[in-house]
Amino acid sequence: MSSSEKITTWIDKESESPYPIWALSAVSLAVLPLAVRKSPGVPSMFQTMTFASIFAGAGYVTNTGDSENGAGIATAWCLSWSFLNAKSAIQSMKPVPMALLAAVTLNTVIYGKKTLKVNGYL
């Protein structure tokens, strides 16, 4: 098995699990003190709390056995987070916003692949 096949298999396995999106929810909540202080590159307090809640909800949907809809919710909201916050995170070049962006990107890849597959694009 080649390394690209191993990565694809890992992504497919993780897309059935709520843990990646729950981890993103937890990371979002961990950034809340920086959001309150309005640190550069970190989403606002309102966005941080809202996205953490939505990410947790996507994990709940996946955990109930509906991994297809959970993946769709996770993908949509990870992309929304990216459209709203990626530019400021990159411009800040601070470690915490960049790590948060990396976590969002990873979840977008994990759940986005499943969403594209379910909808017949892959």
PDB file of N, CA and C in Angstrom:
ATOM      1  N   MET A   1       0.854  -1.181   0.000  1.00  0.00           N
ATOM      2  CA  MET A   1       0.000   0.000   0.000  1.00  0.00           C
ATOM      3  C   MET A   1       0.899   1.243   0.000  1.00  0.00           C
ATOM      4  N   SER A   2       0.678   2.127  -0.969  1.00  0.00           N
ATOM      5  CA  SER A   2       1.497   3.335  -1.068  1.00  0.00           C
ATOM      6  C   SER A   2       1.080   4.350  -0.005  1.00  0.00           C
ATOM      7  N   SER A   3       1.911   5.358   0.176  1.00  0.00           N
ATOM      8  CA  SER A   3       1.618   6.361   1.205  1.00  0.00           C
ATOM      9  C   SER A   3       0.364   7.167   0.863  1.00  0.00           C
ATOM     10  N   SER A   4       0.116   7.430  -0.417  1.00  0.00           N
ATOM     11  CA  SER A   4      -1.096   8.176  -0.778  1.00  0.00           C
ATOM     12  C   SER A   4      -2.352   7.342  -0.514  1.00  0.00           C
ATOM     13  N   GLU A   5      -2.256   6.022  -0.707  1.00  0.00           N
ATOM     14  CA  GLU A   5      -3.396   5.156  -0.388  1.00  0.00           C
ATOM     15  C   GLU A   5      -3.625   5.101   1.118  1.00  0.00           C
ATOM     16  N   LYS A   6      -2.551   5.125   1.900  1.00  0.00           N
ATOM     17  CA  LYS A   6      -2.684   5.131   3.359  1.00  0.00           C
ATOM     18  C   LYS A   6      -3.368   6.411   3.836  1.00  0.00           C
ATOM     19  N   ILE A   7      -2.962   7.534   3.240  1.00  0.00           N
ATOM     20  CA  ILE A   7      -3.567   8.818   3.614  1.00  0.00           C
ATOM     21  C   ILE A   7      -5.046   8.832   3.250  1.00  0.00           C
ATOM     22  N   THR A   8      -5.378   8.369   2.051  1.00  0.00           N
ATOM     23  CA  THR A   8      -6.771   8.327   1.618  1.00  0.00           C
ATOM     24  C   THR A   8      -7.600   7.421   2.519  1.00  0.00           C
ATOM     25  N   THR A   9      -7.046   6.278   2.890  1.00  0.00           N
ATOM     26  CA  THR A   9      -7.747   5.364   3.793  1.00  0.00           C
ATOM     27  C   THR A   9      -7.969   6.008   5.156  1.00  0.00           C
ATOM     28  N   TRP A  10      -6.952   6.715   5.650  1.00  0.00           N
ATOM     29  CA  TRP A  10      -7.075   7.389   6.951  1.00  0.00           C
ATOM     30  C   TRP A  10      -8.150   8.470   6.888  1.00  0.00           C
ATOM     31  N   ILE A  11      -8.167   9.260   5.819  1.00  0.00           N
ATOM     32  CA  ILE A  11      -9.174  10.314   5.670  1.00  0.00           C
ATOM     33  C   ILE A  11     -10.573   9.703   5.632  1.00  0.00           C
ATOM     34  N   ASP A  12     -10.743   8.623   4.871  1.00  0.00           N
ATOM     35  CA  ASP A  12     -12.052   7.972   4.785  1.00  0.00           C
ATOM     36  C   ASP A  12     -12.497   7.452   6.150  1.00  0.00           C
ATOM     37  N   LYS A  13     -11.576   6.895   6.911  1.00  0.00           N
ATOM     38  CA  LYS A  13     -11.906   6.373   8.242  1.00  0.00           C
ATOM     39  C   LYS A  13     -12.291   7.507   9.198  1.00  0.00           C
ATOM     40  N   GLU A  14     -11.538   8.579   9.164  1.00  0.00           N
ATOM     41  CA  GLU A  14     -11.804   9.710  10.061  1.00  0.00           C
ATOM     42  C   GLU A  14     -13.116  10.422   9.727  1.00  0.00           C
ATOM     43  N   SER A  15     -13.537  10.383   8.471  1.00  0.00           N
ATOM     44  CA  SER A  15     -14.775  11.067   8.090  1.00  0.00           C
ATOM     45  C   SER A  15     -16.013  10.387   8.663  1.00  0.00           C
ATOM     46  N   GLU A  16     -15.857   9.169   9.141  1.00  0.00           N
ATOM     47  CA  GLU A  16     -16.960   8.453   9.786  1.00  0.00           C
ATOM     48  C   GLU A  16     -17.016   8.734  11.290  1.00  0.00           C
ATOM     49  N   SER A  17     -16.036   9.448  11.805  1.00  0.00           N
ATOM     50  CA  SER A  17     -15.898   9.688  13.241  1.00  0.00           C
ATOM     51  C   SER A  17     -16.226  11.141  13.594  1.00  0.00           C
ATOM     52  N   PRO A  18     -16.823  11.380  14.758  1.00  0.00           N
ATOM     53  CA  PRO A  18     -17.075  12.756  15.174  1.00  0.00           C
ATOM     54  C   PRO A  18     -15.857  13.416  15.814  1.00  0.00           C
ATOM     55  N   TYR A  19     -14.816  12.638  16.103  1.00  0.00           N
ATOM     56  CA  TYR A  19     -13.708  13.174  16.887  1.00  0.00           C
ATOM     57  C   TYR A  19     -12.924  14.303  16.224  1.00  0.00           C
ATOM     58  N   PRO A  20     -12.661  14.275  14.922  1.00  0.00           N
ATOM     59  CA  PRO A  20     -11.935  15.419  14.340  1.00  0.00           C
ATOM     60  C   PRO A  20     -12.690  16.741  14.490  1.00  0.00           C
ATOM     61  N   ILE A  21     -13.983  16.742  14.242  1.00  0.00           N
ATOM     62  CA  ILE A  21     -14.738  17.996  14.338  1.00  0.00           C
ATOM     63  C   ILE A  21     -14.951  18.387  15.798  1.00  0.00           C
ATOM     64  N   TRP A  22     -15.084  17.403  16.691  1.00  0.00           N
ATOM     65  CA  TRP A  22     -15.161  17.734  18.119  1.00  0.00           C
ATOM     66  C   TRP A  22     -13.840  18.325  18.605  1.00  0.00           C
ATOM     67  N   ALA A  23     -12.728  17.819  18.097  1.00  0.00           N
ATOM     68  CA  ALA A  23     -11.420  18.385  18.457  1.00  0.00           C
ATOM     69  C   ALA A  23     -11.325  19.834  17.981  1.00  0.00           C
ATOM     70  N   LEU A  24     -11.845  20.110  16.791  1.00  0.00           N
ATOM     71  CA  LEU A  24     -11.856  21.489  16.291  1.00  0.00           C
ATOM     72  C   LEU A  24     -12.735  22.371  17.169  1.00  0.00           C
ATOM     73  N   SER A  25     -13.854  21.854  17.606  1.00  0.00           N
ATOM     74  CA  SER A  25     -14.722  22.598  18.518  1.00  0.00           C
ATOM     75  C   SER A  25     -13.981  22.931  19.815  1.00  0.00           C
ATOM     76  N   ALA A  26     -13.267  21.959  20.349  1.00  0.00           N
ATOM     77  CA  ALA A  26     -12.511  22.170  21.586  1.00  0.00           C
ATOM     78  C   ALA A  26     -11.387  23.190  21.384  1.00  0.00           C
ATOM     79  N   VAL A  27     -10.704  23.102  20.248  1.00  0.00           N
ATOM     80  CA  VAL A  27      -9.634  24.056  19.950  1.00  0.00           C
ATOM     81  C   VAL A  27     -10.217  25.462  19.814  1.00  0.00           C
ATOM     82  N   SER A  28     -11.378  25.563  19.187  1.00  0.00           N
ATOM     83  CA  SER A  28     -12.033  26.871  19.042  1.00  0.00           C
ATOM     84  C   SER A  28     -12.356  27.463  20.408  1.00  0.00           C
ATOM     85  N   LEU A  29     -12.854  26.632  21.303  1.00  0.00           N
ATOM     86  CA  LEU A  29     -13.159  27.123  22.656  1.00  0.00           C
ATOM     87  C   LEU A  29     -11.892  27.483  23.421  1.00  0.00           C
ATOM     88  N   ALA A  30     -10.809  26.760  23.178  1.00  0.00           N
ATOM     89  CA  ALA A  30      -9.546  27.061  23.850  1.00  0.00           C
ATOM     90  C   ALA A  30      -8.992  28.424  23.426  1.00  0.00           C
ATOM     91  N   VAL A  31      -9.374  28.876  22.241  1.00  0.00           N
ATOM     92  CA  VAL A  31      -8.913  30.163  21.721  1.00  0.00           C
ATOM     93  C   VAL A  31      -9.773  31.313  22.253  1.00  0.00           C
ATOM     94  N   LEU A  32     -10.853  31.006  22.928  1.00  0.00           N
ATOM     95  CA  LEU A  32     -11.786  32.033  23.411  1.00  0.00           C
ATOM     96  C   LEU A  32     -11.117  33.150  24.217  1.00  0.00           C
ATOM     97  N   PRO A  33     -10.186  32.852  25.143  1.00  0.00           N
ATOM     98  CA  PRO A  33      -9.544  33.969  25.856  1.00  0.00           C
ATOM     99  C   PRO A  33      -8.808  34.943  24.933  1.00  0.00           C
ATOM    100  N   LEU A  34      -8.216  34.415  23.857  1.00  0.00           N
ATOM    101  CA  LEU A  34      -7.555  35.299  22.894  1.00  0.00           C
ATOM    102  C   LEU A  34      -8.568  36.106  22.105  1.00  0.00           C
ATOM    103  N   ALA A  35      -9.726  35.516  21.843  1.00  0.00           N
ATOM    104  CA  ALA A  35     -10.788  36.236  21.132  1.00  0.00           C
ATOM    105  C   ALA A  35     -11.318  37.385  21.980  1.00  0.00           C
ATOM    106  N   VAL A  36     -11.434  37.136  23.274  1.00  0.00           N
ATOM    107  CA  VAL A  36     -11.910  38.194  24.183  1.00  0.00           C
ATOM    108  C   VAL A  36     -10.914  39.353  24.197  1.00  0.00           C
ATOM    109  N   ARG A  37      -9.617  39.035  24.144  1.00  0.00           N
ATOM    110  CA  ARG A  37      -8.576  40.063  24.122  1.00  0.00           C
ATOM    111  C   ARG A  37      -8.385  40.684  22.748  1.00  0.00           C
ATOM    112  N   LYS A  38      -9.120  40.181  21.762  1.00  0.00           N
ATOM    113  CA  LYS A  38      -9.046  40.668  20.374  1.00  0.00           C
ATOM    114  C   LYS A  38      -7.629  40.559  19.815  1.00  0.00           C
ATOM    115  N   SER A  39      -7.020  39.396  20.027  1.00  0.00           N
ATOM    116  CA  SER A  39      -5.683  39.142  19.487  1.00  0.00           C
ATOM    117  C   SER A  39      -5.731  39.124  17.962  1.00  0.00           C
ATOM    118  N   PRO A  40      -4.670  39.598  17.314  1.00  0.00           N
ATOM    119  CA  PRO A  40      -4.648  39.618  15.841  1.00  0.00           C
ATOM    120  C   PRO A  40      -4.767  38.210  15.254  1.00  0.00           C
ATOM    121  N   GLY A  41      -5.605  38.079  14.238  1.00  0.00           N
ATOM    122  CA  GLY A  41      -5.756  36.821  13.538  1.00  0.00           C
ATOM    123  C   GLY A  41      -6.747  35.856  14.153  1.00  0.00           C
ATOM    124  N   VAL A  42      -7.238  36.151  15.343  1.00  0.00           N
ATOM    125  CA  VAL A  42      -8.189  35.275  16.027  1.00  0.00           C
ATOM    126  C   VAL A  42      -9.597  35.789  15.751  1.00  0.00           C
ATOM    127  N   PRO A  43     -10.544  34.900  15.440  1.00  0.00           N
ATOM    128  CA  PRO A  43     -11.924  35.353  15.220  1.00  0.00           C
ATOM    129  C   PRO A  43     -12.495  36.054  16.450  1.00  0.00           C
ATOM    130  N   SER A  44     -13.528  36.831  16.233  1.00  0.00           N
ATOM    131  CA  SER A  44     -14.167  37.540  17.340  1.00  0.00           C
ATOM    132  C   SER A  44     -14.754  36.553  18.352  1.00  0.00           C
ATOM    133  N   MET A  45     -15.083  37.071  19.521  1.00  0.00           N
ATOM    134  CA  MET A  45     -15.655  36.223  20.566  1.00  0.00           C
ATOM    135  C   MET A  45     -16.964  35.586  20.082  1.00  0.00           C
ATOM    136  N   PHE A  46     -17.789  36.357  19.429  1.00  0.00           N
ATOM    137  CA  PHE A  46     -19.058  35.838  18.923  1.00  0.00           C
ATOM    138  C   PHE A  46     -18.821  34.719  17.912  1.00  0.00           C
ATOM    139  N   GLN A  47     -17.918  34.949  16.963  1.00  0.00           N
ATOM    140  CA  GLN A  47     -17.613  33.922  15.958  1.00  0.00           C
ATOM    141  C   GLN A  47     -17.019  32.680  16.602  1.00  0.00           C
ATOM    142  N   THR A  48     -16.129  32.871  17.548  1.00  0.00           N
ATOM    143  CA  THR A  48     -15.480  31.735  18.207  1.00  0.00           C
ATOM    144  C   THR A  48     -16.511  30.852  18.899  1.00  0.00           C
ATOM    145  N   MET A  49     -17.417  31.457  19.647  1.00  0.00           N
ATOM    146  CA  MET A  49     -18.445  30.690  20.350  1.00  0.00           C
ATOM    147  C   MET A  49     -19.428  30.048  19.370  1.00  0.00           C
ATOM    148  N   THR A  50     -19.804  30.780  18.348  1.00  0.00           N
ATOM    149  CA  THR A  50     -20.759  30.267  17.369  1.00  0.00           C
ATOM    150  C   THR A  50     -20.182  29.089  16.589  1.00  0.00           C
ATOM    151  N   PHE A  51     -18.979  29.245  16.078  1.00  0.00           N
ATOM    152  CA  PHE A  51     -18.372  28.160  15.310  1.00  0.00           C
ATOM    153  C   PHE A  51     -18.092  26.944  16.190  1.00  0.00           C
ATOM    154  N   ALA A  52     -17.653  27.156  17.421  1.00  0.00           N
ATOM    155  CA  ALA A  52     -17.418  26.014  18.323  1.00  0.00           C
ATOM    156  C   ALA A  52     -18.709  25.234  18.535  1.00  0.00           C
ATOM    157  N   SER A  53     -19.816  25.947  18.695  1.00  0.00           N
ATOM    158  CA  SER A  53     -21.117  25.281  18.877  1.00  0.00           C
ATOM    159  C   SER A  53     -21.541  24.523  17.621  1.00  0.00           C
ATOM    160  N   ILE A  54     -21.368  25.140  16.485  1.00  0.00           N
ATOM    161  CA  ILE A  54     -21.752  24.493  15.225  1.00  0.00           C
ATOM    162  C   ILE A  54     -20.884  23.267  14.959  1.00  0.00           C
ATOM    163  N   PHE A  55     -19.582  23.383  15.211  1.00  0.00           N
ATOM    164  CA  PHE A  55     -18.686  22.239  15.023  1.00  0.00           C
ATOM    165  C   PHE A  55     -19.090  21.097  15.958  1.00  0.00           C
ATOM    166  N   ALA A  56     -19.433  21.427  17.194  1.00  0.00           N
ATOM    167  CA  ALA A  56     -19.887  20.389  18.132  1.00  0.00           C
ATOM    168  C   ALA A  56     -21.173  19.741  17.626  1.00  0.00           C
ATOM    169  N   GLY A  57     -22.072  20.543  17.090  1.00  0.00           N
ATOM    170  CA  GLY A  57     -23.315  20.008  16.534  1.00  0.00           C
ATOM    171  C   GLY A  57     -23.073  19.089  15.347  1.00  0.00           C
ATOM    172  N   ALA A  58     -22.126  19.438  14.495  1.00  0.00           N
ATOM    173  CA  ALA A  58     -21.782  18.575  13.359  1.00  0.00           C
ATOM    174  C   ALA A  58     -21.242  17.240  13.861  1.00  0.00           C
ATOM    175  N   GLY A  59     -20.465  17.285  14.929  1.00  0.00           N
ATOM    176  CA  GLY A  59     -19.968  16.051  15.532  1.00  0.00           C
ATOM    177  C   GLY A  59     -21.089  15.214  16.110  1.00  0.00           C
ATOM    178  N   TYR A  60     -22.067  15.879  16.705  1.00  0.00           N
ATOM    179  CA  TYR A  60     -23.221  15.161  17.264  1.00  0.00           C
ATOM    180  C   TYR A  60     -23.989  14.436  16.152  1.00  0.00           C
ATOM    181  N   VAL A  61     -24.204  15.125  15.044  1.00  0.00           N
ATOM    182  CA  VAL A  61     -24.917  14.512  13.918  1.00  0.00           C
ATOM    183  C   VAL A  61     -24.145  13.291  13.423  1.00  0.00           C
ATOM    184  N   THR A  62     -22.840  13.428  13.300  1.00  0.00           N
ATOM    185  CA  THR A  62     -22.008  12.300  12.865  1.00  0.00           C
ATOM    186  C   THR A  62     -22.086  11.170  13.884  1.00  0.00           C
ATOM    187  N   ASN A  63     -22.060  11.511  15.155  1.00  0.00           N
ATOM    188  CA  ASN A  63     -22.083  10.508  16.226  1.00  0.00           C
ATOM    189  C   ASN A  63     -23.399   9.733  16.277  1.00  0.00           C
ATOM    190  N   THR A  64     -24.489  10.337  15.833  1.00  0.00           N
ATOM    191  CA  THR A  64     -25.776   9.640  15.842  1.00  0.00           C
ATOM    192  C   THR A  64     -25.890   8.618  14.715  1.00  0.00           C
ATOM    193  N   GLY A  65     -24.869   8.560  13.861  1.00  0.00           N
ATOM    194  CA  GLY A  65     -24.873   7.584  12.777  1.00  0.00           C
ATOM    195  C   GLY A  65     -25.120   8.198  11.415  1.00  0.00           C
ATOM    196  N   ASP A  66     -25.388   9.480  11.356  1.00  0.00           N
ATOM    197  CA  ASP A  66     -25.640  10.145  10.079  1.00  0.00           C
ATOM    198  C   ASP A  66     -24.363  10.856   9.622  1.00  0.00           C
ATOM    199  N   SER A  67     -23.360  10.058   9.269  1.00  0.00           N
ATOM    200  CA  SER A  67     -22.063  10.637   8.925  1.00  0.00           C
ATOM    201  C   SER A  67     -22.106  11.455   7.637  1.00  0.00           C
ATOM    202  N   GLU A  68     -23.051  11.155   6.759  1.00  0.00           N
ATOM    203  CA  GLU A  68     -23.133  11.918   5.506  1.00  0.00           C
ATOM    204  C   GLU A  68     -23.568  13.359   5.774  1.00  0.00           C
ATOM    205  N   ASN A  69     -24.632  13.538   6.557  1.00  0.00           N
ATOM    206  CA  ASN A  69     -25.072  14.894   6.879  1.00  0.00           C
ATOM    207  C   ASN A  69     -24.103  15.589   7.827  1.00  0.00           C
ATOM    208  N   GLY A  70     -23.522  14.846   8.756  1.00  0.00           N
ATOM    209  CA  GLY A  70     -22.517  15.421   9.648  1.00  0.00           C
ATOM    210  C   GLY A  70     -21.331  15.960   8.858  1.00  0.00           C
ATOM    211  N   ALA A  71     -20.902  15.197   7.853  1.00  0.00           N
ATOM    212  CA  ALA A  71     -19.796  15.641   7.002  1.00  0.00           C
ATOM    213  C   ALA A  71     -20.181  16.884   6.207  1.00  0.00           C
ATOM    214  N   GLY A  72     -21.408  16.930   5.738  1.00  0.00           N
ATOM    215  CA  GLY A  72     -21.871  18.099   4.994  1.00  0.00           C
ATOM    216  C   GLY A  72     -21.906  19.352   5.852  1.00  0.00           C
ATOM    217  N   ILE A  73     -22.406  19.209   7.073  1.00  0.00           N
ATOM    218  CA  ILE A  73     -22.444  20.347   7.995  1.00  0.00           C
ATOM    219  C   ILE A  73     -21.034  20.800   8.326  1.00  0.00           C
ATOM    220  N   ALA A  74     -20.162  19.846   8.647  1.00  0.00           N
ATOM    221  CA  ALA A  74     -18.778  20.183   8.988  1.00  0.00           C
ATOM    222  C   ALA A  74     -18.079  20.883   7.830  1.00  0.00           C
ATOM    223  N   THR A  75     -18.260  20.361   6.625  1.00  0.00           N
ATOM    224  CA  THR A  75     -17.622  20.961   5.452  1.00  0.00           C
ATOM    225  C   THR A  75     -18.117  22.387   5.229  1.00  0.00           C
ATOM    226  N   ALA A  76     -19.421  22.569   5.257  1.00  0.00           N
ATOM    227  CA  ALA A  76     -19.991  23.892   5.002  1.00  0.00           C
ATOM    228  C   ALA A  76     -19.501  24.929   6.012  1.00  0.00           C
ATOM    229  N   TRP A  77     -19.484  24.551   7.275  1.00  0.00           N
ATOM    230  CA  TRP A  77     -19.093  25.518   8.300  1.00  0.00           C
ATOM    231  C   TRP A  77     -17.592  25.707   8.391  1.00  0.00           C
ATOM    232  N   CYS A  78     -16.806  24.696   8.044  1.00  0.00           N
ATOM    233  CA  CYS A  78     -15.355  24.892   7.963  1.00  0.00           C
ATOM    234  C   CYS A  78     -15.018  25.851   6.818  1.00  0.00           C
ATOM    235  N   LEU A  79     -15.714  25.686   5.693  1.00  0.00           N
ATOM    236  CA  LEU A  79     -15.500  26.614   4.580  1.00  0.00           C
ATOM    237  C   LEU A  79     -15.948  28.024   4.956  1.00  0.00           C
ATOM    238  N   SER A  80     -17.063  28.140   5.671  1.00  0.00           N
ATOM    239  CA  SER A  80     -17.526  29.458   6.122  1.00  0.00           C
ATOM    240  C   SER A  80     -16.496  30.107   7.034  1.00  0.00           C
ATOM    241  N   TRP A  81     -15.955  29.328   7.979  1.00  0.00           N
ATOM    242  CA  TRP A  81     -14.916  29.839   8.871  1.00  0.00           C
ATOM    243  C   TRP A  81     -13.732  30.330   8.044  1.00  0.00           C
ATOM    244  N   SER A  82     -13.348  29.553   7.046  1.00  0.00           N
ATOM    245  CA  SER A  82     -12.199  29.918   6.213  1.00  0.00           C
ATOM    246  C   SER A  82     -12.443  31.212   5.450  1.00  0.00           C
ATOM    247  N   PHE A  83     -13.627  31.359   4.860  1.00  0.00           N
ATOM    248  CA  PHE A  83     -13.939  32.577   4.111  1.00  0.00           C
ATOM    249  C   PHE A  83     -13.899  33.803   5.015  1.00  0.00           C
ATOM    250  N   LEU A  84     -14.330  33.636   6.261  1.00  0.00           N
ATOM    251  CA  LEU A  84     -14.378  34.767   7.189  1.00  0.00           C
ATOM    252  C   LEU A  84     -13.045  35.059   7.871  1.00  0.00           C
ATOM    253  N   ASN A  85     -12.208  34.033   8.092  1.00  0.00           N
ATOM    254  CA  ASN A  85     -11.065  34.219   8.984  1.00  0.00           C
ATOM    255  C   ASN A  85      -9.696  33.835   8.439  1.00  0.00           C
ATOM    256  N   ALA A  86      -9.620  33.128   7.328  1.00  0.00           N
ATOM    257  CA  ALA A  86      -8.314  32.651   6.857  1.00  0.00           C
ATOM    258  C   ALA A  86      -7.360  33.801   6.533  1.00  0.00           C
ATOM    259  N   LYS A  87      -7.847  34.817   5.872  1.00  0.00           N
ATOM    260  CA  LYS A  87      -6.985  35.927   5.476  1.00  0.00           C
ATOM    261  C   LYS A  87      -6.349  36.607   6.685  1.00  0.00           C
ATOM    262  N   SER A  88      -7.148  36.904   7.703  1.00  0.00           N
ATOM    263  CA  SER A  88      -6.585  37.578   8.880  1.00  0.00           C
ATOM    264  C   SER A  88      -5.638  36.656   9.657  1.00  0.00           C
ATOM    265  N   ALA A  89      -5.930  35.349   9.670  1.00  0.00           N
ATOM    266  CA  ALA A  89      -5.033  34.404  10.349  1.00  0.00           C
ATOM    267  C   ALA A  89      -3.677  34.360   9.643  1.00  0.00           C
ATOM    268  N   ILE A  90      -3.697  34.327   8.312  1.00  0.00           N
ATOM    269  CA  ILE A  90      -2.452  34.279   7.548  1.00  0.00           C
ATOM    270  C   ILE A  90      -1.687  35.591   7.677  1.00  0.00           C
ATOM    271  N   GLN A  91      -2.396  36.710   7.611  1.00  0.00           N
ATOM    272  CA  GLN A  91      -1.735  38.011   7.728  1.00  0.00           C
ATOM    273  C   GLN A  91      -1.092  38.211   9.098  1.00  0.00           C
ATOM    274  N   SER A  92      -1.692  37.652  10.134  1.00  0.00           N
ATOM    275  CA  SER A  92      -1.136  37.822  11.483  1.00  0.00           C
ATOM    276  C   SER A  92       0.153  37.026  11.653  1.00  0.00           C
ATOM    277  N   MET A  93       0.245  35.854  10.988  1.00  0.00           N
ATOM    278  CA  MET A  93       1.395  34.951  11.097  1.00  0.00           C
ATOM    279  C   MET A  93       1.713  34.593  12.559  1.00  0.00           C
ATOM    280  N   LYS A  94       0.720  34.649  13.410  1.00  0.00           N
ATOM    281  CA  LYS A  94       0.873  34.239  14.814  1.00  0.00           C
ATOM    282  C   LYS A  94       0.630  32.742  14.895  1.00  0.00           C
ATOM    283  N   PRO A  95       1.264  32.048  15.839  1.00  0.00           N
ATOM    284  CA  PRO A  95       1.134  30.592  15.913  1.00  0.00           C
ATOM    285  C   PRO A  95      -0.289  30.093  16.177  1.00  0.00           C
ATOM    286  N   VAL A  96      -1.007  30.748  17.076  1.00  0.00           N
ATOM    287  CA  VAL A  96      -2.344  30.244  17.434  1.00  0.00           C
ATOM    288  C   VAL A  96      -3.326  30.379  16.267  1.00  0.00           C
ATOM    289  N   PRO A  97      -3.444  31.545  15.622  1.00  0.00           N
ATOM    290  CA  PRO A  97      -4.350  31.615  14.471  1.00  0.00           C
ATOM    291  C   PRO A  97      -3.956  30.671  13.334  1.00  0.00           C
ATOM    292  N   MET A  98      -2.656  30.494  13.132  1.00  0.00           N
ATOM    293  CA  MET A  98      -2.202  29.580  12.071  1.00  0.00           C
ATOM    294  C   MET A  98      -2.540  28.132  12.424  1.00  0.00           C
ATOM    295  N   ALA A  99      -2.408  27.770  13.699  1.00  0.00           N
ATOM    296  CA  ALA A  99      -2.768  26.409  14.128  1.00  0.00           C
ATOM    297  C   ALA A  99      -4.267  26.184  13.987  1.00  0.00           C
ATOM    298  N   LEU A 100      -5.058  27.196  14.335  1.00  0.00           N
ATOM    299  CA  LEU A 100      -6.504  27.093  14.189  1.00  0.00           C
ATOM    300  C   LEU A 100      -6.877  26.945  12.708  1.00  0.00           C
ATOM    301  N   LEU A 101      -6.224  27.714  11.856  1.00  0.00           N
ATOM    302  CA  LEU A 101      -6.457  27.597  10.414  1.00  0.00           C
ATOM    303  C   LEU A 101      -6.081  26.201   9.917  1.00  0.00           C
ATOM    304  N   ALA A 102      -4.976  25.663  10.413  1.00  0.00           N
ATOM    305  CA  ALA A 102      -4.560  24.312  10.019  1.00  0.00           C
ATOM    306  C   ALA A 102      -5.599  23.276  10.447  1.00  0.00           C
ATOM    307  N   ALA A 103      -6.143  23.434  11.650  1.00  0.00           N
ATOM    308  CA  ALA A 103      -7.165  22.496  12.139  1.00  0.00           C
ATOM    309  C   ALA A 103      -8.432  22.586  11.289  1.00  0.00           C
ATOM    310  N   VAL A 104      -8.836  23.800  10.947  1.00  0.00           N
ATOM    311  CA  VAL A 104     -10.019  23.978  10.095  1.00  0.00           C
ATOM    312  C   VAL A 104      -9.775  23.374   8.712  1.00  0.00           C
ATOM    313  N   THR A 105      -8.594  23.592   8.169  1.00  0.00           N
ATOM    314  CA  THR A 105      -8.254  23.041   6.855  1.00  0.00           C
ATOM    315  C   THR A 105      -8.266  21.516   6.881  1.00  0.00           C
ATOM    316  N   LEU A 106      -7.702  20.931   7.924  1.00  0.00           N
ATOM    317  CA  LEU A 106      -7.699  19.470   8.040  1.00  0.00           C
ATOM    318  C   LEU A 106      -9.123  18.926   8.093  1.00  0.00           C
ATOM    319  N   ASN A 107      -9.992  19.555   8.871  1.00  0.00           N
ATOM    320  CA  ASN A 107     -11.380  19.107   8.953  1.00  0.00           C
ATOM    321  C   ASN A 107     -12.107  19.308   7.629  1.00  0.00           C
ATOM    322  N   THR A 108     -11.780  20.378   6.918  1.00  0.00           N
ATOM    323  CA  THR A 108     -12.378  20.595   5.600  1.00  0.00           C
ATOM    324  C   THR A 108     -11.994  19.467   4.652  1.00  0.00           C
ATOM    325  N   VAL A 109     -10.744  19.043   4.705  1.00  0.00           N
ATOM    326  CA  VAL A 109     -10.286  17.943   3.843  1.00  0.00           C
ATOM    327  C   VAL A 109     -10.965  16.635   4.248  1.00  0.00           C
ATOM    328  N   ILE A 110     -10.975  16.345   5.544  1.00  0.00           N
ATOM    329  CA  ILE A 110     -11.545  15.077   6.028  1.00  0.00           C
ATOM    330  C   ILE A 110     -13.015  14.959   5.648  1.00  0.00           C
ATOM    331  N   TYR A 111     -13.802  15.948   6.044  1.00  0.00           N
ATOM    332  CA  TYR A 111     -15.246  15.857   5.822  1.00  0.00           C
ATOM    333  C   TYR A 111     -15.644  16.290   4.416  1.00  0.00           C
ATOM    334  N   GLY A 112     -14.846  17.173   3.797  1.00  0.00           N
ATOM    335  CA  GLY A 112     -15.141  17.609   2.431  1.00  0.00           C
ATOM    336  C   GLY A 112     -15.020  16.476   1.426  1.00  0.00           C
ATOM    337  N   LYS A 113     -14.025  15.617   1.611  1.00  0.00           N
ATOM    338  CA  LYS A 113     -13.868  14.466   0.719  1.00  0.00           C
ATOM    339  C   LYS A 113     -15.099  13.579   0.774  1.00  0.00           C
ATOM    340  N   LYS A 114     -15.600  13.331   1.981  1.00  0.00           N
ATOM    341  CA  LYS A 114     -16.793  12.503   2.140  1.00  0.00           C
ATOM    342  C   LYS A 114     -18.005  13.186   1.495  1.00  0.00           C
ATOM    343  N   THR A 115     -18.153  14.476   1.708  1.00  0.00           N
ATOM    344  CA  THR A 115     -19.278  15.214   1.133  1.00  0.00           C
ATOM    345  C   THR A 115     -19.242  15.159  -0.393  1.00  0.00           C
ATOM    346  N   LEU A 116     -18.075  15.361  -0.961  1.00  0.00           N
ATOM    347  CA  LEU A 116     -17.951  15.303  -2.425  1.00  0.00           C
ATOM    348  C   LEU A 116     -18.242  13.900  -2.934  1.00  0.00           C
ATOM    349  N   LYS A 117     -17.815  12.890  -2.193  1.00  0.00           N
ATOM    350  CA  LYS A 117     -18.063  11.499  -2.593  1.00  0.00           C
ATOM    351  C   LYS A 117     -19.558  11.176  -2.521  1.00  0.00           C
ATOM    352  N   VAL A 118     -20.221  11.595  -1.435  1.00  0.00           N
ATOM    353  CA  VAL A 118     -21.648  11.331  -1.256  1.00  0.00           C
ATOM    354  C   VAL A 118     -22.468  11.978  -2.366  1.00  0.00           C
ATOM    355  N   ASN A 119     -22.058  13.167  -2.788  1.00  0.00           N
ATOM    356  CA  ASN A 119     -22.802  13.899  -3.816  1.00  0.00           C
ATOM    357  C   ASN A 119     -22.392  13.547  -5.234  1.00  0.00           C
ATOM    358  N   GLY A 120     -21.499  12.555  -5.372  1.00  0.00           N
ATOM    359  CA  GLY A 120     -21.154  12.060  -6.691  1.00  0.00           C
ATOM    360  C   GLY A 120     -20.088  12.824  -7.424  1.00  0.00           C
ATOM    361  N   TYR A 121     -19.362  13.700  -6.743  1.00  0.00           N
ATOM    362  CA  TYR A 121     -18.313  14.464  -7.412  1.00  0.00           C
ATOM    363  C   TYR A 121     -16.973  13.735  -7.404  1.00  0.00           C
ATOM    364  N   LEU A 122     -16.810  12.748  -6.537  1.00  0.00           N
ATOM    365  CA  LEU A 122     -15.576  11.946  -6.496  1.00  0.00           C
ATOM    366  C   LEU A 122     -15.904  10.494  -6.760  1.00  0.00           C
TER     367      LEU A 122
END
